[in-house]
N, C-alpha and C. Protein backbone atom coordinates (compact mmCIF):
# COMPACT_ATOMS: atom_id res chain seq x y z
N SER A 1 -54.14 53.38 56.74
CA SER A 1 -54.94 53.37 57.95
C SER A 1 -56.38 53.02 57.60
N THR A 2 -56.98 52.13 58.35
CA THR A 2 -58.36 51.75 58.09
C THR A 2 -59.34 52.58 58.91
N ALA A 3 -58.86 53.53 59.69
CA ALA A 3 -59.75 54.33 60.54
C ALA A 3 -60.74 55.15 59.72
N ASN A 4 -60.33 55.62 58.54
CA ASN A 4 -61.21 56.43 57.71
C ASN A 4 -61.85 55.63 56.58
N THR A 5 -61.65 54.34 56.57
CA THR A 5 -62.21 53.50 55.53
C THR A 5 -63.71 53.35 55.72
N PRO A 6 -64.50 53.72 54.71
CA PRO A 6 -65.96 53.69 54.86
C PRO A 6 -66.55 52.31 54.60
N ILE A 7 -66.05 51.29 55.30
CA ILE A 7 -66.53 49.94 55.06
C ILE A 7 -66.82 49.26 56.39
N THR A 8 -67.90 48.52 56.43
CA THR A 8 -68.20 47.71 57.60
C THR A 8 -68.57 46.32 57.11
N PHE A 9 -68.20 45.33 57.88
CA PHE A 9 -68.58 43.96 57.57
C PHE A 9 -69.79 43.64 58.42
N SER A 10 -70.90 43.34 57.77
CA SER A 10 -72.11 43.08 58.54
C SER A 10 -72.33 41.59 58.77
N ALA A 11 -71.69 40.75 57.98
CA ALA A 11 -71.85 39.31 58.19
C ALA A 11 -70.70 38.57 57.52
N VAL A 12 -70.17 37.59 58.19
CA VAL A 12 -69.16 36.72 57.60
C VAL A 12 -69.53 35.31 57.99
N SER A 13 -69.56 34.41 57.02
CA SER A 13 -69.93 33.03 57.29
C SER A 13 -69.08 32.10 56.46
N ALA A 14 -68.55 31.08 57.08
CA ALA A 14 -67.79 30.07 56.34
C ALA A 14 -68.53 28.74 56.35
N ALA A 15 -69.77 28.75 56.73
CA ALA A 15 -70.53 27.51 56.90
C ALA A 15 -71.33 27.11 55.66
N ASN A 16 -71.11 27.78 54.55
CA ASN A 16 -71.88 27.48 53.34
C ASN A 16 -71.23 26.33 52.58
N CYS A 17 -71.83 25.17 52.68
CA CYS A 17 -71.32 24.00 51.98
C CYS A 17 -72.45 23.45 51.13
N TYR A 18 -72.29 23.53 49.82
CA TYR A 18 -73.35 23.08 48.94
C TYR A 18 -72.80 22.78 47.55
N ASP A 19 -73.61 22.15 46.74
CA ASP A 19 -73.20 21.85 45.37
C ASP A 19 -73.33 23.09 44.51
N ARG A 20 -72.34 23.35 43.68
CA ARG A 20 -72.41 24.43 42.72
C ARG A 20 -72.08 23.85 41.37
N PRO A 21 -72.87 24.17 40.35
CA PRO A 21 -72.65 23.56 39.04
C PRO A 21 -71.26 23.82 38.46
N ASP A 22 -70.65 24.96 38.78
CA ASP A 22 -69.35 25.26 38.21
C ASP A 22 -68.21 24.50 38.89
N PHE A 23 -68.48 23.85 40.02
CA PHE A 23 -67.47 23.05 40.69
C PHE A 23 -67.80 21.57 40.65
N GLY A 24 -69.07 21.22 40.56
CA GLY A 24 -69.47 19.82 40.46
C GLY A 24 -69.25 19.01 41.71
N GLN A 25 -68.97 19.65 42.82
CA GLN A 25 -68.76 18.95 44.07
C GLN A 25 -69.05 19.87 45.24
N LYS A 26 -69.17 19.28 46.42
CA LYS A 26 -69.40 20.10 47.60
C LYS A 26 -68.12 20.84 47.96
N ARG A 27 -68.29 22.08 48.39
CA ARG A 27 -67.15 22.91 48.75
C ARG A 27 -67.61 23.95 49.76
N VAL A 28 -66.72 24.35 50.65
CA VAL A 28 -67.04 25.39 51.61
C VAL A 28 -66.69 26.74 50.99
N PHE A 29 -67.66 27.66 51.02
CA PHE A 29 -67.46 29.00 50.48
C PHE A 29 -67.50 30.01 51.61
N MET A 30 -66.61 31.00 51.56
CA MET A 30 -66.62 32.09 52.52
C MET A 30 -67.55 33.16 51.96
N THR A 31 -68.61 33.45 52.68
CA THR A 31 -69.55 34.47 52.27
C THR A 31 -69.44 35.63 53.23
N LYS A 32 -69.30 36.84 52.68
CA LYS A 32 -69.29 38.02 53.54
C LYS A 32 -70.09 39.13 52.87
N THR A 33 -70.74 39.90 53.70
CA THR A 33 -71.52 41.04 53.23
C THR A 33 -70.86 42.30 53.79
N ILE A 34 -70.59 43.24 52.91
CA ILE A 34 -69.99 44.50 53.33
C ILE A 34 -70.93 45.65 52.99
N VAL A 35 -70.85 46.69 53.79
CA VAL A 35 -71.60 47.91 53.55
C VAL A 35 -70.57 49.02 53.40
N TYR A 36 -70.60 49.69 52.25
CA TYR A 36 -69.62 50.72 51.92
C TYR A 36 -70.34 52.05 51.78
N ARG A 37 -69.92 53.05 52.55
CA ARG A 37 -70.49 54.40 52.44
C ARG A 37 -69.76 55.12 51.32
N THR A 38 -70.51 55.53 50.31
CA THR A 38 -69.91 56.16 49.13
C THR A 38 -69.53 57.61 49.42
N ARG A 39 -68.69 58.14 48.55
CA ARG A 39 -68.26 59.54 48.65
C ARG A 39 -68.37 60.17 47.27
N GLY A 40 -69.05 61.32 47.18
CA GLY A 40 -69.10 62.09 45.94
C GLY A 40 -70.07 61.60 44.90
N THR A 41 -71.03 60.75 45.28
CA THR A 41 -72.00 60.24 44.32
C THR A 41 -73.42 60.43 44.85
N CYS A 42 -74.38 60.25 43.95
CA CYS A 42 -75.79 60.35 44.36
C CYS A 42 -76.17 59.18 45.26
N SER A 43 -75.60 58.00 44.99
CA SER A 43 -75.86 56.88 45.90
C SER A 43 -75.10 57.14 47.20
N ARG A 44 -75.67 56.70 48.30
CA ARG A 44 -75.08 56.94 49.61
C ARG A 44 -74.37 55.72 50.19
N GLU A 45 -74.77 54.56 49.71
CA GLU A 45 -74.27 53.33 50.33
C GLU A 45 -74.37 52.19 49.33
N ILE A 46 -73.40 51.28 49.41
CA ILE A 46 -73.40 50.08 48.57
C ILE A 46 -73.28 48.87 49.49
N THR A 47 -74.15 47.90 49.32
CA THR A 47 -74.07 46.64 50.05
C THR A 47 -73.66 45.56 49.05
N VAL A 48 -72.56 44.88 49.36
CA VAL A 48 -72.02 43.86 48.46
C VAL A 48 -71.92 42.55 49.23
N THR A 49 -72.44 41.48 48.66
CA THR A 49 -72.25 40.15 49.22
C THR A 49 -71.27 39.42 48.32
N LEU A 50 -70.20 38.94 48.94
CA LEU A 50 -69.15 38.23 48.23
C LEU A 50 -69.16 36.77 48.63
N GLU A 51 -68.91 35.92 47.67
CA GLU A 51 -68.74 34.49 47.91
C GLU A 51 -67.33 34.17 47.45
N ASP A 52 -66.44 33.97 48.41
CA ASP A 52 -65.01 33.86 48.12
C ASP A 52 -64.57 35.11 47.36
N ASP A 53 -64.11 34.98 46.13
CA ASP A 53 -63.62 36.12 45.36
C ASP A 53 -64.60 36.57 44.28
N ARG A 54 -65.87 36.16 44.41
CA ARG A 54 -66.89 36.53 43.43
C ARG A 54 -68.00 37.36 44.07
N VAL A 55 -68.56 38.25 43.27
CA VAL A 55 -69.67 39.07 43.72
C VAL A 55 -70.95 38.25 43.61
N GLU A 56 -71.62 38.07 44.73
CA GLU A 56 -72.89 37.35 44.75
C GLU A 56 -74.05 38.30 44.49
N SER A 57 -74.01 39.49 45.12
CA SER A 57 -75.06 40.48 44.90
C SER A 57 -74.55 41.87 45.27
N VAL A 58 -75.19 42.89 44.68
CA VAL A 58 -74.87 44.29 44.96
C VAL A 58 -76.17 45.05 45.01
N SER A 59 -76.30 45.94 46.01
CA SER A 59 -77.45 46.85 46.04
C SER A 59 -76.96 48.23 46.47
N PHE A 60 -77.62 49.25 45.95
CA PHE A 60 -77.25 50.64 46.21
C PHE A 60 -78.39 51.32 46.94
N VAL A 61 -78.06 52.29 47.79
CA VAL A 61 -79.05 53.17 48.42
C VAL A 61 -78.88 54.53 47.75
N GLY A 62 -79.94 55.02 47.12
CA GLY A 62 -79.87 56.28 46.38
C GLY A 62 -79.31 56.05 44.99
N GLY A 63 -79.17 57.12 44.24
CA GLY A 63 -78.61 57.03 42.90
C GLY A 63 -79.67 56.76 41.85
N CYS A 64 -79.22 56.51 40.63
CA CYS A 64 -80.10 56.27 39.48
C CYS A 64 -80.53 54.81 39.47
N HIS A 65 -81.74 54.57 39.93
CA HIS A 65 -82.22 53.22 40.20
C HIS A 65 -82.04 52.26 39.02
N GLY A 66 -82.47 52.64 37.85
CA GLY A 66 -82.37 51.75 36.69
C GLY A 66 -80.94 51.40 36.33
N ASN A 67 -80.09 52.41 36.28
CA ASN A 67 -78.68 52.17 35.96
C ASN A 67 -78.01 51.28 37.00
N LEU A 68 -78.33 51.53 38.26
CA LEU A 68 -77.69 50.75 39.32
C LEU A 68 -78.19 49.32 39.35
N GLN A 69 -79.45 49.09 38.96
CA GLN A 69 -79.93 47.72 38.82
C GLN A 69 -79.16 47.01 37.71
N GLY A 70 -78.90 47.73 36.63
CA GLY A 70 -78.13 47.16 35.52
C GLY A 70 -76.71 46.80 35.95
N ILE A 71 -76.04 47.72 36.65
CA ILE A 71 -74.69 47.45 37.14
C ILE A 71 -74.70 46.23 38.05
N SER A 72 -75.67 46.19 38.95
CA SER A 72 -75.77 45.06 39.89
C SER A 72 -75.90 43.74 39.16
N ALA A 73 -76.72 43.71 38.11
CA ALA A 73 -76.92 42.48 37.34
C ALA A 73 -75.65 42.10 36.57
N LEU A 74 -74.95 43.09 36.03
CA LEU A 74 -73.77 42.82 35.23
C LEU A 74 -72.57 42.33 36.04
N VAL A 75 -72.47 42.74 37.30
CA VAL A 75 -71.32 42.32 38.11
C VAL A 75 -71.55 41.00 38.83
N ARG A 76 -72.79 40.57 38.94
CA ARG A 76 -73.11 39.34 39.67
C ARG A 76 -72.38 38.14 39.07
N GLY A 77 -71.69 37.40 39.95
CA GLY A 77 -70.99 36.18 39.53
C GLY A 77 -69.58 36.41 39.03
N ARG A 78 -69.17 37.67 38.90
CA ARG A 78 -67.84 37.97 38.38
C ARG A 78 -66.83 38.11 39.51
N LYS A 79 -65.56 37.86 39.19
CA LYS A 79 -64.49 37.93 40.17
C LYS A 79 -64.13 39.38 40.48
N ILE A 80 -63.77 39.62 41.74
CA ILE A 80 -63.38 40.95 42.20
C ILE A 80 -62.26 41.51 41.33
N GLU A 81 -61.21 40.72 41.12
CA GLU A 81 -60.06 41.23 40.38
C GLU A 81 -60.38 41.54 38.92
N GLU A 82 -61.43 40.98 38.39
CA GLU A 82 -61.89 41.28 37.04
C GLU A 82 -62.66 42.61 37.02
N LEU A 83 -63.43 42.86 38.08
CA LEU A 83 -64.30 44.03 38.13
C LEU A 83 -63.57 45.33 38.45
N ILE A 84 -62.59 45.28 39.32
CA ILE A 84 -61.91 46.51 39.77
C ILE A 84 -61.38 47.33 38.58
N PRO A 85 -60.61 46.74 37.66
CA PRO A 85 -60.13 47.56 36.54
C PRO A 85 -61.24 48.02 35.59
N LEU A 86 -62.31 47.25 35.48
CA LEU A 86 -63.42 47.64 34.60
C LEU A 86 -64.18 48.85 35.13
N LEU A 87 -64.33 48.94 36.46
CA LEU A 87 -65.17 49.97 37.06
C LEU A 87 -64.39 51.19 37.56
N SER A 88 -63.10 51.01 37.84
CA SER A 88 -62.29 52.10 38.40
C SER A 88 -62.14 53.25 37.41
N GLY A 89 -62.25 54.46 37.94
CA GLY A 89 -61.99 55.65 37.15
C GLY A 89 -63.14 56.17 36.32
N ILE A 90 -64.29 55.52 36.37
CA ILE A 90 -65.45 56.02 35.64
C ILE A 90 -65.92 57.30 36.31
N ASN A 91 -66.13 58.34 35.51
CA ASN A 91 -66.49 59.66 36.02
C ASN A 91 -67.94 59.97 35.65
N CYS A 92 -68.69 60.47 36.60
CA CYS A 92 -70.09 60.83 36.36
C CYS A 92 -70.27 62.34 36.54
N GLY A 93 -70.62 63.02 35.49
CA GLY A 93 -70.94 64.45 35.57
C GLY A 93 -69.83 65.32 36.11
N GLY A 94 -68.59 64.97 35.86
CA GLY A 94 -67.47 65.77 36.32
C GLY A 94 -67.21 65.70 37.81
N LYS A 95 -67.77 64.70 38.49
CA LYS A 95 -67.61 64.56 39.94
C LYS A 95 -66.26 63.96 40.32
N GLY A 96 -65.56 63.39 39.35
CA GLY A 96 -64.30 62.72 39.66
C GLY A 96 -64.48 61.30 40.15
N THR A 97 -65.71 60.87 40.25
CA THR A 97 -66.03 59.51 40.66
C THR A 97 -67.41 59.18 40.10
N SER A 98 -67.91 58.00 40.40
CA SER A 98 -69.23 57.55 39.95
C SER A 98 -69.64 56.37 40.82
N CYS A 99 -70.85 55.92 40.65
CA CYS A 99 -71.29 54.74 41.40
C CYS A 99 -70.44 53.51 41.03
N PRO A 100 -70.15 53.26 39.74
CA PRO A 100 -69.28 52.13 39.44
C PRO A 100 -67.88 52.29 40.04
N ASP A 101 -67.33 53.51 40.02
CA ASP A 101 -66.03 53.77 40.61
C ASP A 101 -66.06 53.52 42.12
N GLN A 102 -67.14 53.92 42.78
CA GLN A 102 -67.28 53.68 44.21
C GLN A 102 -67.42 52.19 44.50
N LEU A 103 -68.10 51.45 43.62
CA LEU A 103 -68.19 50.01 43.77
C LEU A 103 -66.79 49.39 43.66
N ALA A 104 -65.98 49.86 42.73
CA ALA A 104 -64.60 49.37 42.60
C ALA A 104 -63.84 49.63 43.89
N LYS A 105 -64.01 50.81 44.48
CA LYS A 105 -63.33 51.15 45.75
C LYS A 105 -63.80 50.21 46.87
N ALA A 106 -65.09 49.93 46.91
CA ALA A 106 -65.63 48.99 47.91
C ALA A 106 -65.01 47.61 47.73
N LEU A 107 -64.89 47.17 46.49
CA LEU A 107 -64.30 45.85 46.22
C LEU A 107 -62.81 45.83 46.59
N MET A 108 -62.10 46.94 46.34
CA MET A 108 -60.69 47.01 46.72
C MET A 108 -60.54 46.93 48.24
N GLU A 109 -61.40 47.62 48.96
CA GLU A 109 -61.36 47.59 50.43
C GLU A 109 -61.68 46.18 50.94
N ALA A 110 -62.66 45.54 50.34
CA ALA A 110 -63.02 44.18 50.74
C ALA A 110 -61.87 43.22 50.46
N GLN A 111 -61.22 43.42 49.33
CA GLN A 111 -60.10 42.58 48.96
C GLN A 111 -58.95 42.75 49.95
N LYS A 112 -58.64 44.00 50.31
CA LYS A 112 -57.58 44.27 51.29
C LYS A 112 -57.93 43.69 52.65
N ALA A 113 -59.18 43.87 53.07
CA ALA A 113 -59.62 43.38 54.38
C ALA A 113 -59.62 41.86 54.44
N GLY A 114 -59.77 41.21 53.30
CA GLY A 114 -59.85 39.75 53.26
C GLY A 114 -58.51 39.06 53.16
N LYS A 115 -57.43 39.83 53.00
CA LYS A 115 -56.09 39.24 52.88
C LYS A 115 -55.66 38.66 54.22
N ASP A 116 -55.03 37.51 54.15
CA ASP A 116 -54.47 36.87 55.35
C ASP A 116 -53.18 37.60 55.70
N PRO A 117 -53.06 38.15 56.93
CA PRO A 117 -51.84 38.86 57.31
C PRO A 117 -50.59 38.01 57.16
N ALA A 118 -50.71 36.71 57.30
CA ALA A 118 -49.56 35.82 57.17
C ALA A 118 -49.04 35.79 55.73
N GLU A 119 -49.88 36.18 54.75
CA GLU A 119 -49.45 36.18 53.36
C GLU A 119 -48.66 37.43 53.01
N GLY A 120 -48.57 38.38 53.92
CA GLY A 120 -47.93 39.65 53.66
C GLY A 120 -46.47 39.54 53.26
N ASP A 121 -45.72 38.63 53.86
CA ASP A 121 -44.30 38.51 53.59
C ASP A 121 -44.08 37.27 52.75
N LYS A 122 -43.89 37.44 51.45
CA LYS A 122 -43.69 36.31 50.54
C LYS A 122 -42.22 36.02 50.29
N ASP A 123 -41.31 36.80 50.91
CA ASP A 123 -39.89 36.62 50.66
C ASP A 123 -39.25 35.57 51.56
N GLY A 124 -40.03 34.97 52.43
CA GLY A 124 -39.51 33.91 53.29
C GLY A 124 -38.91 34.40 54.59
N ALA A 125 -38.90 35.71 54.82
CA ALA A 125 -38.37 36.23 56.09
C ALA A 125 -39.36 35.94 57.20
N HIS A 126 -38.88 35.38 58.30
CA HIS A 126 -39.77 35.04 59.41
C HIS A 126 -39.43 35.82 60.63
């Protein structure tokens, strides 16, 4: 159920068409910004901007400013599926979660929300 999911989409745009050095050609990118309300951490909120399946930027409200700036810099440009296993399960001070763990949860929610419902049945049943 998504009723209790602490995620909101504040912007979605598919109109970004520009040259990117890693592609060498014009391409349309889906850009979306999500706001995730954290649970059990000093940070209260995470804002993530995604470009297709890559993290474009991350910012935190609250928490350890220096460490969170470092995390934000380290995840920039990396794929969601690469980051989730790296960040999941990190524990801060015995809380059972951490800011990186909450970021992984935000990315998992964004990934689930971004799935095309038509892709759900891959067995060919119509």
